[in-house]
C-alpha atoms as a PDB file:
ATOM      1  CA  MET A   1       5.696 -14.337   8.373  1.00  0.00           C
ATOM      2  CA  SER A   2       5.367 -10.934   6.765  1.00  0.00           C
ATOM      3  CA  ILE A   3       3.507 -10.275   3.530  1.00  0.00           C
ATOM      4  CA  LEU A   4       4.822  -7.938   0.856  1.00  0.00           C
ATOM      5  CA  LEU A   5       2.342  -6.087  -1.361  1.00  0.00           C
ATOM      6  CA  LEU A   6       2.692  -4.006  -4.493  1.00  0.00           C
ATOM      7  CA  VAL A   7       0.410  -0.962  -4.203  1.00  0.00           C
ATOM      8  CA  GLN A   8      -0.321   1.990  -6.502  1.00  0.00           C
ATOM      9  CA  CYS A   9      -0.828   5.585  -5.385  1.00  0.00           C
ATOM     10  CA  PRO A  10      -4.225   6.969  -6.474  1.00  0.00           C
ATOM     11  CA  LYS A  11      -2.853  10.516  -6.827  1.00  0.00           C
ATOM     12  CA  CYS A  12       0.408  10.144  -8.807  1.00  0.00           C
ATOM     13  CA  GLY A  13       0.046   6.552 -10.080  1.00  0.00           C
ATOM     14  CA  ASN A  14       3.478   5.386  -8.924  1.00  0.00           C
ATOM     15  CA  LYS A  15       3.889   1.823  -7.663  1.00  0.00           C
ATOM     16  CA  MET A  16       5.642   0.950  -4.419  1.00  0.00           C
ATOM     17  CA  LYS A  17       6.055  -1.921  -1.980  1.00  0.00           C
ATOM     18  CA  ALA A  18       4.206  -2.128   1.332  1.00  0.00           C
ATOM     19  CA  SER A  19       4.722  -4.543   4.194  1.00  0.00           C
ATOM     20  CA  PRO A  20       1.836  -4.126   6.661  1.00  0.00           C
ATOM     21  CA  ARG A  21       2.059  -5.681  10.104  1.00  0.00           C
ATOM     22  CA  GLY A  22      -0.509  -8.380  10.691  1.00  0.00           C
ATOM     23  CA  ASN A  23      -2.917 -10.025   8.269  1.00  0.00           C
ATOM     24  CA  ASN A  24      -5.856  -7.650   8.769  1.00  0.00           C
ATOM     25  CA  LEU A  25      -5.674  -4.859   6.163  1.00  0.00           C
ATOM     26  CA  SER A  26      -8.787  -2.966   7.218  1.00  0.00           C
ATOM     27  CA  GLY A  27      -7.840   0.493   8.429  1.00  0.00           C
ATOM     28  CA  LYS A  28      -4.198   0.265   7.307  1.00  0.00           C
ATOM     29  CA  LYS A  29      -2.891   3.343   5.521  1.00  0.00           C
ATOM     30  CA  LYS A  30       0.254   4.084   3.527  1.00  0.00           C
ATOM     31  CA  ARG A  31       1.921   7.362   2.655  1.00  0.00           C
ATOM     32  CA  CYS A  32       3.238   7.657  -0.904  1.00  0.00           C
ATOM     33  CA  VAL A  33       7.030   8.022  -0.999  1.00  0.00           C
ATOM     34  CA  TYR A  34       6.799  10.099  -4.203  1.00  0.00           C
ATOM     35  CA  CYS A  35       4.000  12.663  -3.667  1.00  0.00           C
ATOM     36  CA  GLY A  36       3.160  12.318   0.061  1.00  0.00           C
ATOM     37  CA  ALA A  37      -0.516  11.362  -0.394  1.00  0.00           C
ATOM     38  CA  THR A  38      -2.046   9.014   2.192  1.00  0.00           C
ATOM     39  CA  PHE A  39      -4.294   6.180   1.005  1.00  0.00           C
ATOM     40  CA  SER A  40      -5.898   2.983   2.221  1.00  0.00           C
ATOM     41  CA  LEU A  41      -3.902  -0.165   1.463  1.00  0.00           C
ATOM     42  CA  ARG A  42      -6.936  -2.364   1.011  1.00  0.00           C
ATOM     43  CA  ASP A  43      -8.239  -0.400  -2.007  1.00  0.00           C
ATOM     44  CA  ARG A  44      -4.939   0.014  -3.867  1.00  0.00           C
ATOM     45  CA  ILE A  45      -3.350  -3.486  -3.906  1.00  0.00           C
ATOM     46  CA  ILE A  46      -2.064  -4.548  -7.326  1.00  0.00           C
ATOM     47  CA  ARG A  47      -0.626  -7.921  -6.309  1.00  0.00           C
ATOM     48  CA  GLN A  48       1.181  -9.813  -3.586  1.00  0.00           C
ATOM     49  CA  LEU A  49       4.947 -10.260  -4.028  1.00  0.00           C
END
């Protein structure tokens, strides 16, 4: 079972979906599809979809 998260980029503020593998979010990173910034998933979660 995969979780789907709504995350927000700290640099440009755009929202996007993320589907990390596994339940442990520590150390998981995401690259913004709009500006290319890399950020930690754990700090930028808005809600679970």
